[in-house]
Protein backbone atom coordinates (compact mmCIF):
# COMPACT_ATOMS: atom_id res chain seq x y z
CA UNK A 1 62.98 49.44 121.41
CA UNK A 2 63.55 52.89 119.89
CA UNK A 3 59.78 53.23 119.45
CA UNK A 4 59.34 52.59 123.17
CA UNK A 5 62.01 55.17 124.00
CA UNK A 6 60.43 57.73 121.69
CA UNK A 7 57.01 57.05 123.21
CA UNK A 8 58.39 57.43 126.73
CA UNK A 9 60.29 60.56 125.76
CA UNK A 10 57.12 61.95 124.21
CA UNK A 11 55.19 61.02 127.34
CA UNK A 12 57.82 62.71 129.49
CA UNK A 13 57.69 65.87 127.39
CA UNK A 14 53.91 66.00 127.54
CA UNK A 15 53.98 65.14 131.23
CA UNK A 16 56.38 67.94 131.91
CA UNK A 17 54.36 70.36 129.80
CA UNK A 18 51.07 69.47 131.46
CA UNK A 19 52.52 69.37 134.95
CA UNK A 20 54.76 72.39 134.75
CA UNK A 21 52.87 74.87 132.61
CA UNK A 22 50.14 75.86 135.08
CA UNK A 23 52.51 75.83 138.02
CA UNK A 24 55.24 77.82 136.32
CA UNK A 25 52.79 80.33 134.85
CA UNK A 26 51.14 80.96 138.21
CA UNK A 27 54.43 81.16 140.06
CA UNK A 28 56.08 83.32 137.44
CA UNK A 29 53.30 85.87 137.35
CA UNK A 30 53.24 86.23 141.16
CA UNK A 31 57.00 86.46 141.37
CA UNK A 32 57.20 89.00 138.55
CA UNK A 33 54.54 91.13 140.25
CA UNK A 34 56.62 91.14 143.42
CA UNK A 35 59.93 91.88 141.70
CA UNK A 36 59.49 92.62 137.96
CA UNK A 37 63.21 92.52 137.09
CA UNK A 38 64.04 89.44 139.14
CA UNK A 39 63.58 85.86 137.91
CA UNK A 40 61.19 83.78 140.05
CA UNK A 41 62.81 82.01 142.98
CA UNK A 42 65.73 84.47 143.14
CA UNK A 43 66.24 87.48 145.33
CA UNK A 44 68.27 89.56 142.92
CA UNK A 45 71.67 89.83 141.27
CA UNK A 46 74.24 87.57 142.88
CA UNK A 47 71.54 85.89 144.95
CA UNK A 48 72.59 83.14 147.32
CA UNK A 49 72.00 79.47 146.73
CA UNK A 50 68.48 78.29 147.52
CA UNK A 51 67.79 77.28 151.08
CA UNK A 52 67.78 73.56 151.92
CA UNK A 53 64.03 73.75 152.61
CA UNK A 54 63.41 75.39 149.20
CA UNK A 55 65.38 72.62 147.49
CA UNK A 56 63.62 69.96 149.57
CA UNK A 57 60.23 71.35 148.53
CA UNK A 58 61.29 71.32 144.88
CA UNK A 59 62.57 67.75 145.15
CA UNK A 60 59.35 66.71 146.90
CA UNK A 61 57.37 68.17 143.99
CA UNK A 62 59.42 66.27 141.41
CA UNK A 63 58.61 63.05 143.27
CA UNK A 64 54.99 63.85 144.19
CA UNK A 65 53.96 64.88 140.67
CA UNK A 66 55.28 61.63 139.21
CA UNK A 67 58.08 63.20 137.20
CA UNK A 68 60.74 61.13 138.98
CA UNK A 69 58.97 57.99 137.80
CA UNK A 70 59.67 59.09 134.23
CA UNK A 71 63.37 59.44 134.99
CA UNK A 72 63.70 56.11 136.77
CA UNK A 73 62.14 54.04 133.96
CA UNK A 74 64.84 55.19 131.55
CA UNK A 75 67.58 53.16 133.27
CA UNK A 76 65.96 49.71 132.82
CA UNK A 77 64.93 50.64 129.28
CA UNK A 78 68.51 51.48 128.33
CA UNK A 79 69.75 48.30 129.99
CA UNK A 80 67.18 46.25 128.06
CA UNK A 81 68.20 47.97 124.86
CA UNK A 82 71.89 47.27 125.48
CA UNK A 83 71.12 43.66 126.39
CA UNK A 84 69.00 43.11 123.28
CA UNK A 85 71.47 44.83 121.01
CA UNK A 86 74.53 42.94 122.22
CA UNK A 87 72.96 39.51 122.53
CA UNK A 88 71.21 39.65 119.19
CA UNK A 89 74.47 38.91 117.40
CA UNK A 90 76.29 37.36 120.36
CA UNK A 91 73.81 35.15 122.28
CA UNK A 92 76.65 33.53 124.22
CA UNK A 93 77.01 36.82 126.15
CA UNK A 94 73.56 36.63 127.79
CA UNK A 95 74.65 35.18 131.15
CA UNK A 96 77.71 37.43 131.68
CA UNK A 97 75.95 40.50 130.30
CA UNK A 98 72.99 40.02 132.64
CA UNK A 99 75.42 39.80 135.57
CA UNK A 100 77.21 42.97 134.45
CA UNK A 101 73.97 44.89 133.95
CA UNK A 102 72.63 43.75 137.33
CA UNK A 103 75.84 44.90 138.98
CA UNK A 104 75.75 48.28 137.22
CA UNK A 105 72.07 49.00 137.90
CA UNK A 106 72.54 50.63 141.35
CA UNK A 107 75.20 52.95 139.90
CA UNK A 108 72.88 54.09 137.14
CA UNK A 109 69.84 54.30 139.42
CA UNK A 110 71.80 57.02 141.26
CA UNK A 111 72.00 58.90 137.98
CA UNK A 112 68.20 58.89 137.84
CA UNK A 113 68.34 60.52 141.29
CA UNK A 114 70.70 63.12 139.82
CA UNK A 115 68.00 64.00 137.28
CA UNK A 116 65.54 64.45 140.14
CA UNK A 117 68.01 66.90 141.69
CA UNK A 118 68.44 68.72 138.36
CA UNK A 119 64.67 69.04 137.98
CA UNK A 120 64.45 70.32 141.56
CA UNK A 121 67.10 72.97 140.80
CA UNK A 122 65.04 74.08 137.81
CA UNK A 123 61.89 74.30 139.93
CA UNK A 124 63.76 76.35 142.54
CA UNK A 125 64.57 78.92 139.84
CA UNK A 126 60.96 79.06 138.71
CA UNK A 127 58.89 78.81 141.89
CA UNK A 128 58.95 80.14 145.39
CA UNK A 129 59.24 77.73 148.29
CA UNK A 130 55.66 78.56 149.29
CA UNK A 131 54.36 77.74 145.78
CA UNK A 132 56.35 74.51 145.69
CA UNK A 133 54.89 73.43 149.02
CA UNK A 134 51.38 74.27 147.80
CA UNK A 135 51.93 72.20 144.66
CA UNK A 136 53.27 69.29 146.74
CA UNK A 137 50.20 69.53 148.98
CA UNK A 138 48.00 69.21 145.91
CA UNK A 139 49.89 66.21 144.56
CA UNK A 140 49.74 64.53 147.98
CA UNK A 141 45.97 65.08 148.18
CA UNK A 142 43.57 62.39 146.92
CA UNK A 143 42.85 64.47 143.79
CA UNK A 144 46.55 65.02 143.16
CA UNK A 145 47.34 61.33 143.57
CA UNK A 146 44.56 60.48 141.14
CA UNK A 147 45.95 63.07 138.72
CA UNK A 148 49.40 61.47 138.85
CA UNK A 149 47.94 57.97 138.58
CA UNK A 150 45.98 58.84 135.44
CA UNK A 151 48.80 60.69 133.65
CA UNK A 152 50.34 57.77 131.71
CA UNK A 153 46.99 56.68 130.22
CA UNK A 154 45.91 60.29 129.73
CA UNK A 155 49.11 61.23 127.93
CA UNK A 156 48.97 58.15 125.70
CA UNK A 157 45.47 59.13 124.63
CA UNK A 158 46.45 62.78 124.16
CA UNK A 159 49.39 61.80 121.95
CA UNK A 160 47.12 59.56 119.85
CA UNK A 161 44.45 62.27 119.60
CA UNK A 162 47.07 64.87 118.77
CA UNK A 163 48.43 62.80 115.90
CA UNK A 164 44.95 62.59 114.36
CA UNK A 165 44.35 66.28 115.01
CA UNK A 166 47.66 67.24 113.38
CA UNK A 167 46.81 65.18 110.31
CA UNK A 168 43.40 66.84 110.04
CA UNK A 169 44.83 70.34 110.51
CA UNK A 170 47.53 69.68 107.92
CA UNK A 171 45.01 68.46 105.34
CA UNK A 172 42.51 71.24 106.09
CA UNK A 173 45.20 73.91 105.96
CA UNK A 174 46.58 72.73 102.62
CA UNK A 175 43.06 72.55 101.18
CA UNK A 176 42.35 76.14 102.31
CA UNK A 177 45.73 77.42 101.06
CA UNK A 178 45.10 75.84 97.63
CA UNK A 179 41.62 77.38 97.47
CA UNK A 180 42.89 80.85 98.42
CA UNK A 181 45.85 80.63 96.03
CA UNK A 182 43.50 79.55 93.24
CA UNK A 183 41.51 82.75 93.84
CA UNK A 184 44.75 84.62 93.18
CA UNK A 185 45.34 82.70 89.96
CA UNK A 186 47.79 80.08 91.23
CA UNK A 187 47.30 76.32 90.90
CA UNK A 188 49.05 74.32 93.61
């Protein structure tokens, strides 16, 4: 189960990196051009809370880009992990534990919604309302929906490719370092 969690955490990290990097970079550069000493999404020192429409646009982006899906899958995974862990040594608990977990699920699903709100707050600090709405429009377009749909498979392949690439780079780098150090009279 920990392998699944690590894989999903890795997927979430890559998802966030791939989804956020271009949007944040574009938004940040425009905002910094407009007000070089002001963080994007803020109007200046002591700025007021974001408008409801700015927050709504940020929340819509978190949902439209598929990020919220990554948050919501964590709850059932944790519940499965707890169930497996507890019933492995105490199989007599299965029936009561399943009832408890089923009863607790709505409470913890709300916590996934809290993470959506946290992500939206982060977007609000990084992107203007106009940029958020433009990003949502993309993710709601056919191309954007296809992008979101392909992300899990894409990220799985990228992680696999990256592991091979890292191994190759590591080997190549050590080979080159040894060769260069040998030129300087050092055997590694």
